Amino acid sequence: MITDITQLDSNGTYTYADYLKWQFDESVELIKGKLYRMSPVPKRKHQDASINLEFALLKYFEDKTFKVYDAPFDVRLPVQNRKTPNQIYTVVQPDICVICDLSKLDEDGCLGAPDWVIEITSERLKTISTRSIICMKKQACGSTGSCNRKKKRSTFTFWKMVSMHLSMSMNRPIFPAGFSRI
């Protein structure tokens, strides 16, 4: 049993089966078998934006069969029909995701690309490594855009801090001051 992230080989290749055995407190994601540490605990503005957006989505989808989930929620992205834990090399935890095809849901989370993935970013996350990880997440989910020109499988949306409010049909801003869609 692995109880500390330092016990792992940072250059190793891991599967979802490995991921399930880890018993440390640090949050990680696997992208193409490579281990990535997640950002530390989100700041208050990030949490405000996340909960407000999730509330708006839950309200919008309340009479529909779609499901809305927030992190931590494992999204396992198999390649082709390789769906057993020892064949899955990508496990991510989007800030928010919407799943329309409920057959993708099981007790462990979502098996396959969600229909909508939302990541909330801030100006402080402008590093090359963060951009690379976000790009890899987009590719893993099959999103179109500058990182991936493959057939679209899910919509990937980012929100970043700027000086704007957005509102939906709630008659109030969804996000705290400083967030907009990018």
C-alpha atoms as a PDB file:
ATOM      1  CA  MET A   1       0.000   0.000   0.000  1.00  0.00           C
ATOM      2  CA  ILE A   2       1.296   3.468  -0.916  1.00  0.00           C
ATOM      3  CA  THR A   3       0.753   5.973   1.913  1.00  0.00           C
ATOM      4  CA  ASP A   4       2.966   8.849   0.753  1.00  0.00           C
ATOM      5  CA  ILE A   5       3.298  10.348  -2.714  1.00  0.00           C
ATOM      6  CA  THR A   6       7.090  10.278  -2.366  1.00  0.00           C
ATOM      7  CA  GLN A   7       6.894   6.469  -2.537  1.00  0.00           C
ATOM      8  CA  LEU A   8       5.909   6.757  -6.213  1.00  0.00           C
ATOM      9  CA  ASP A   9       8.341   7.047  -9.103  1.00  0.00           C
ATOM     10  CA  SER A  10       7.696  10.490 -10.633  1.00  0.00           C
ATOM     11  CA  ASN A  11       8.704   9.058 -14.040  1.00  0.00           C
ATOM     12  CA  GLY A  12       6.595   5.922 -13.674  1.00  0.00           C
ATOM     13  CA  THR A  13       3.502   4.989 -15.658  1.00  0.00           C
ATOM     14  CA  TYR A  14       0.404   4.244 -13.592  1.00  0.00           C
ATOM     15  CA  THR A  15      -3.098   2.908 -14.119  1.00  0.00           C
ATOM     16  CA  TYR A  16      -6.423   3.419 -12.405  1.00  0.00           C
ATOM     17  CA  ALA A  17      -5.773   0.112 -10.576  1.00  0.00           C
ATOM     18  CA  ASP A  18      -2.637   1.694  -9.058  1.00  0.00           C
ATOM     19  CA  TYR A  19      -4.536   4.902  -8.272  1.00  0.00           C
ATOM     20  CA  LEU A  20      -7.135   2.954  -6.283  1.00  0.00           C
ATOM     21  CA  LYS A  21      -4.415   1.575  -3.972  1.00  0.00           C
ATOM     22  CA  TRP A  22      -2.966   4.942  -3.005  1.00  0.00           C
ATOM     23  CA  GLN A  23      -3.779   6.029   0.543  1.00  0.00           C
ATOM     24  CA  PHE A  24      -2.236   9.495   0.762  1.00  0.00           C
ATOM     25  CA  ASP A  25      -4.013  12.796   1.366  1.00  0.00           C
ATOM     26  CA  GLU A  26      -2.625  14.685  -1.621  1.00  0.00           C
ATOM     27  CA  SER A  27      -4.937  14.962  -4.634  1.00  0.00           C
ATOM     28  CA  VAL A  28      -3.528  13.692  -7.912  1.00  0.00           C
ATOM     29  CA  GLU A  29      -4.651  13.007 -11.443  1.00  0.00           C
ATOM     30  CA  LEU A  30      -3.350  10.553 -14.013  1.00  0.00           C
ATOM     31  CA  ILE A  31      -2.994  11.729 -17.584  1.00  0.00           C
ATOM     32  CA  LYS A  32      -1.786   9.081 -20.033  1.00  0.00           C
ATOM     33  CA  GLY A  33      -0.327   7.142 -17.109  1.00  0.00           C
ATOM     34  CA  LYS A  34       1.694  10.073 -15.752  1.00  0.00           C
ATOM     35  CA  LEU A  35       1.109  11.394 -12.245  1.00  0.00           C
ATOM     36  CA  TYR A  36       0.194  15.072 -11.790  1.00  0.00           C
ATOM     37  CA  ARG A  37      -0.288  16.740  -8.447  1.00  0.00           C
ATOM     38  CA  MET A  38      -3.417  18.834  -8.322  1.00  0.00           C
ATOM     39  CA  SER A  39      -3.370  22.417  -7.143  1.00  0.00           C
ATOM     40  CA  PRO A  40      -3.592  22.972  -3.416  1.00  0.00           C
ATOM     41  CA  VAL A  41      -6.964  23.645  -1.841  1.00  0.00           C
ATOM     42  CA  PRO A  42      -8.862  26.151  -4.014  1.00  0.00           C
ATOM     43  CA  LYS A  43      -9.105  29.750  -2.860  1.00  0.00           C
ATOM     44  CA  ARG A  44     -12.395  31.259  -1.704  1.00  0.00           C
ATOM     45  CA  LYS A  45     -13.168  32.989  -5.047  1.00  0.00           C
ATOM     46  CA  HIS A  46     -12.660  29.702  -6.873  1.00  0.00           C
ATOM     47  CA  GLN A  47     -15.054  27.979  -4.469  1.00  0.00           C
ATOM     48  CA  ASP A  48     -17.608  30.810  -4.810  1.00  0.00           C
ATOM     49  CA  ALA A  49     -17.500  30.560  -8.603  1.00  0.00           C
ATOM     50  CA  SER A  50     -17.710  26.772  -8.517  1.00  0.00           C
ATOM     51  CA  ILE A  51     -20.674  26.555  -6.137  1.00  0.00           C
ATOM     52  CA  ASN A  52     -22.559  29.345  -7.898  1.00  0.00           C
ATOM     53  CA  LEU A  53     -22.075  27.784 -11.314  1.00  0.00           C
ATOM     54  CA  GLU A  54     -22.954  24.343 -10.020  1.00  0.00           C
ATOM     55  CA  PHE A  55     -26.118  25.720  -8.397  1.00  0.00           C
ATOM     56  CA  ALA A  56     -27.128  27.397 -11.676  1.00  0.00           C
ATOM     57  CA  LEU A  57     -26.512  24.182 -13.614  1.00  0.00           C
ATOM     58  CA  LEU A  58     -28.441  22.071 -11.099  1.00  0.00           C
ATOM     59  CA  LYS A  59     -31.336  24.518 -11.309  1.00  0.00           C
ATOM     60  CA  TYR A  60     -31.256  24.527 -15.117  1.00  0.00           C
ATOM     61  CA  PHE A  61     -31.079  20.734 -15.383  1.00  0.00           C
ATOM     62  CA  GLU A  62     -33.518  19.945 -12.537  1.00  0.00           C
ATOM     63  CA  ASP A  63     -36.246  18.493 -14.810  1.00  0.00           C
ATOM     64  CA  LYS A  64     -33.778  16.770 -17.096  1.00  0.00           C
ATOM     65  CA  THR A  65     -32.003  13.453 -16.693  1.00  0.00           C
ATOM     66  CA  PHE A  66     -28.549  15.063 -16.845  1.00  0.00           C
ATOM     67  CA  LYS A  67     -26.273  14.850 -13.800  1.00  0.00           C
ATOM     68  CA  VAL A  68     -23.946  17.574 -12.507  1.00  0.00           C
ATOM     69  CA  TYR A  69     -20.919  16.688 -10.359  1.00  0.00           C
ATOM     70  CA  ASP A  70     -18.121  18.675  -8.763  1.00  0.00           C
ATOM     71  CA  ALA A  71     -14.615  17.717  -7.637  1.00  0.00           C
ATOM     72  CA  PRO A  72     -13.539  15.450  -6.206  1.00  0.00           C
ATOM     73  CA  PHE A  73     -15.274  13.205  -8.758  1.00  0.00           C
ATOM     74  CA  ASP A  74     -13.233  10.677 -10.737  1.00  0.00           C
ATOM     75  CA  VAL A  75     -13.595  10.790 -14.499  1.00  0.00           C
ATOM     76  CA  ARG A  76     -11.893   7.735 -16.003  1.00  0.00           C
ATOM     77  CA  LEU A  77     -11.047   8.040 -19.662  1.00  0.00           C
ATOM     78  CA  PRO A  78     -10.460   4.665 -21.282  1.00  0.00           C
ATOM     79  CA  VAL A  79      -8.804   4.261 -24.655  1.00  0.00           C
ATOM     80  CA  GLN A  80     -11.119   2.388 -27.035  1.00  0.00           C
ATOM     81  CA  ASN A  81     -12.833  -0.450 -25.140  1.00  0.00           C
ATOM     82  CA  ARG A  82     -10.127  -0.885 -22.496  1.00  0.00           C
ATOM     83  CA  LYS A  83     -12.295  -0.250 -19.452  1.00  0.00           C
ATOM     84  CA  THR A  84     -10.839  -2.350 -16.648  1.00  0.00           C
ATOM     85  CA  PRO A  85      -8.887  -0.497 -13.925  1.00  0.00           C
ATOM     86  CA  ASN A  86      -5.541  -1.930 -15.072  1.00  0.00           C
ATOM     87  CA  GLN A  87      -6.212  -0.705 -18.655  1.00  0.00           C
ATOM     88  CA  ILE A  88      -7.186   2.898 -17.796  1.00  0.00           C
ATOM     89  CA  TYR A  89      -4.303   5.385 -17.776  1.00  0.00           C
ATOM     90  CA  THR A  90      -6.218   8.664 -17.414  1.00  0.00           C
ATOM     91  CA  VAL A  91      -8.211   9.715 -14.345  1.00  0.00           C
ATOM     92  CA  VAL A  92      -9.045  13.399 -13.903  1.00  0.00           C
ATOM     93  CA  GLN A  93     -11.146  15.398 -11.464  1.00  0.00           C
ATOM     94  CA  PRO A  94     -12.715  18.363 -13.261  1.00  0.00           C
ATOM     95  CA  ASP A  95     -14.027  21.237 -11.167  1.00  0.00           C
ATOM     96  CA  ILE A  96     -17.510  20.579 -12.571  1.00  0.00           C
ATOM     97  CA  CYS A  97     -18.813  18.137 -15.150  1.00  0.00           C
ATOM     98  CA  VAL A  98     -22.191  17.421 -16.718  1.00  0.00           C
ATOM     99  CA  ILE A  99     -23.068  13.909 -17.830  1.00  0.00           C
ATOM    100  CA  CYS A 100     -26.018  13.393 -20.175  1.00  0.00           C
ATOM    101  CA  ASP A 101     -25.444   9.699 -20.905  1.00  0.00           C
ATOM    102  CA  LEU A 102     -26.185   8.207 -17.483  1.00  0.00           C
ATOM    103  CA  SER A 103     -24.865   4.799 -18.573  1.00  0.00           C
ATOM    104  CA  LYS A 104     -21.356   6.293 -18.110  1.00  0.00           C
ATOM    105  CA  LEU A 105     -21.968   6.603 -14.358  1.00  0.00           C
ATOM    106  CA  ASP A 106     -21.041   3.934 -11.833  1.00  0.00           C
ATOM    107  CA  GLU A 107     -20.096   3.807  -8.163  1.00  0.00           C
ATOM    108  CA  ASP A 108     -16.564   5.022  -8.938  1.00  0.00           C
ATOM    109  CA  GLY A 109     -17.607   8.107 -10.924  1.00  0.00           C
ATOM    110  CA  CYS A 110     -17.790   8.533 -14.689  1.00  0.00           C
ATOM    111  CA  LEU A 111     -16.358   6.040 -17.189  1.00  0.00           C
ATOM    112  CA  GLY A 112     -15.894   7.994 -20.406  1.00  0.00           C
ATOM    113  CA  ALA A 113     -15.803  11.651 -21.357  1.00  0.00           C
ATOM    114  CA  PRO A 114     -18.450  13.853 -19.709  1.00  0.00           C
ATOM    115  CA  ASP A 115     -20.567  15.945 -22.053  1.00  0.00           C
ATOM    116  CA  TRP A 116     -19.391  19.179 -20.460  1.00  0.00           C
ATOM    117  CA  VAL A 117     -16.226  19.706 -18.425  1.00  0.00           C
ATOM    118  CA  ILE A 118     -15.650  22.978 -16.583  1.00  0.00           C
ATOM    119  CA  GLU A 119     -12.292  24.013 -15.119  1.00  0.00           C
ATOM    120  CA  ILE A 120     -11.989  27.232 -13.127  1.00  0.00           C
ATOM    121  CA  THR A 121      -8.581  28.856 -13.423  1.00  0.00           C
ATOM    122  CA  SER A 122      -7.048  32.069 -12.133  1.00  0.00           C
ATOM    123  CA  GLU A 123      -4.348  34.503 -13.197  1.00  0.00           C
ATOM    124  CA  ARG A 124      -1.937  32.866 -10.747  1.00  0.00           C
ATOM    125  CA  LEU A 125      -2.144  29.622 -12.766  1.00  0.00           C
ATOM    126  CA  LYS A 126      -0.386  30.933 -15.859  1.00  0.00           C
ATOM    127  CA  THR A 127       2.619  28.652 -15.641  1.00  0.00           C
ATOM    128  CA  ILE A 128       3.692  26.486 -18.554  1.00  0.00           C
ATOM    129  CA  SER A 129       3.088  23.291 -16.578  1.00  0.00           C
ATOM    130  CA  THR A 130      -0.464  24.333 -15.669  1.00  0.00           C
ATOM    131  CA  ARG A 131      -1.214  25.194 -19.299  1.00  0.00           C
ATOM    132  CA  SER A 132       0.230  21.848 -20.370  1.00  0.00           C
ATOM    133  CA  ILE A 133      -1.903  19.946 -17.856  1.00  0.00           C
ATOM    134  CA  ILE A 134      -5.042  21.808 -18.934  1.00  0.00           C
ATOM    135  CA  CYS A 135      -4.215  21.074 -22.571  1.00  0.00           C
ATOM    136  CA  MET A 136      -3.715  17.380 -21.744  1.00  0.00           C
ATOM    137  CA  LYS A 137      -7.035  17.297 -19.885  1.00  0.00           C
ATOM    138  CA  LYS A 138      -8.738  18.747 -22.944  1.00  0.00           C
ATOM    139  CA  GLN A 139      -7.123  16.122 -25.149  1.00  0.00           C
ATOM    140  CA  ALA A 140      -7.992  13.320 -22.750  1.00  0.00           C
ATOM    141  CA  CYS A 141     -11.645  14.373 -22.745  1.00  0.00           C
ATOM    142  CA  GLY A 142     -11.652  14.571 -26.539  1.00  0.00           C
ATOM    143  CA  SER A 143     -12.442  18.264 -26.635  1.00  0.00           C
ATOM    144  CA  THR A 144     -11.902  20.333 -29.739  1.00  0.00           C
ATOM    145  CA  GLY A 145      -9.859  23.487 -29.612  1.00  0.00           C
ATOM    146  CA  SER A 146      -6.264  24.601 -29.935  1.00  0.00           C
ATOM    147  CA  CYS A 147      -4.940  21.531 -28.122  1.00  0.00           C
ATOM    148  CA  ASN A 148      -6.873  18.872 -29.986  1.00  0.00           C
ATOM    149  CA  ARG A 149      -8.253  18.705 -33.500  1.00  0.00           C
ATOM    150  CA  LYS A 150      -9.850  15.266 -33.102  1.00  0.00           C
ATOM    151  CA  LYS A 151     -13.555  14.587 -33.299  1.00  0.00           C
ATOM    152  CA  LYS A 152     -15.432  16.391 -30.534  1.00  0.00           C
ATOM    153  CA  ARG A 153     -16.570  14.162 -27.668  1.00  0.00           C
ATOM    154  CA  SER A 154     -17.142  16.705 -24.931  1.00  0.00           C
ATOM    155  CA  THR A 155     -17.279  20.429 -24.415  1.00  0.00           C
ATOM    156  CA  PHE A 156     -14.471  21.829 -22.303  1.00  0.00           C
ATOM    157  CA  THR A 157     -14.996  25.240 -20.716  1.00  0.00           C
ATOM    158  CA  PHE A 158     -12.570  27.353 -18.730  1.00  0.00           C
ATOM    159  CA  TRP A 159     -13.337  30.258 -16.452  1.00  0.00           C
ATOM    160  CA  LYS A 160     -10.621  32.668 -15.413  1.00  0.00           C
ATOM    161  CA  MET A 161     -10.386  35.707 -13.192  1.00  0.00           C
ATOM    162  CA  VAL A 162     -11.008  39.051 -14.893  1.00  0.00           C
ATOM    163  CA  SER A 163     -13.070  42.111 -13.989  1.00  0.00           C
ATOM    164  CA  MET A 164     -16.520  40.971 -15.097  1.00  0.00           C
ATOM    165  CA  HIS A 165     -19.725  39.416 -13.838  1.00  0.00           C
ATOM    166  CA  LEU A 166     -21.714  36.881 -15.801  1.00  0.00           C
ATOM    167  CA  SER A 167     -25.333  36.148 -15.139  1.00  0.00           C
ATOM    168  CA  MET A 168     -27.755  33.492 -16.235  1.00  0.00           C
ATOM    169  CA  SER A 169     -31.470  33.312 -15.603  1.00  0.00           C
ATOM    170  CA  MET A 170     -30.982  33.899 -11.870  1.00  0.00           C
ATOM    171  CA  ASN A 171     -31.191  37.714 -11.914  1.00  0.00           C
ATOM    172  CA  ARG A 172     -27.880  37.889 -10.074  1.00  0.00           C
ATOM    173  CA  PRO A 173     -24.245  37.280 -10.929  1.00  0.00           C
ATOM    174  CA  ILE A 174     -23.189  33.650 -10.934  1.00  0.00           C
ATOM    175  CA  PHE A 175     -19.565  34.444 -10.238  1.00  0.00           C
ATOM    176  CA  PRO A 176     -17.895  36.682  -7.717  1.00  0.00           C
ATOM    177  CA  ALA A 177     -16.333  39.838  -9.135  1.00  0.00           C
ATOM    178  CA  GLY A 178     -13.368  38.906 -11.260  1.00  0.00           C
ATOM    179  CA  PHE A 179     -14.492  35.857 -13.269  1.00  0.00           C
ATOM    180  CA  SER A 180     -15.518  35.361 -16.881  1.00  0.00           C
ATOM    181  CA  ARG A 181     -15.533  32.584 -19.439  1.00  0.00           C
ATOM    182  CA  ILE A 182     -12.449  32.187 -21.640  1.00  0.00           C
END
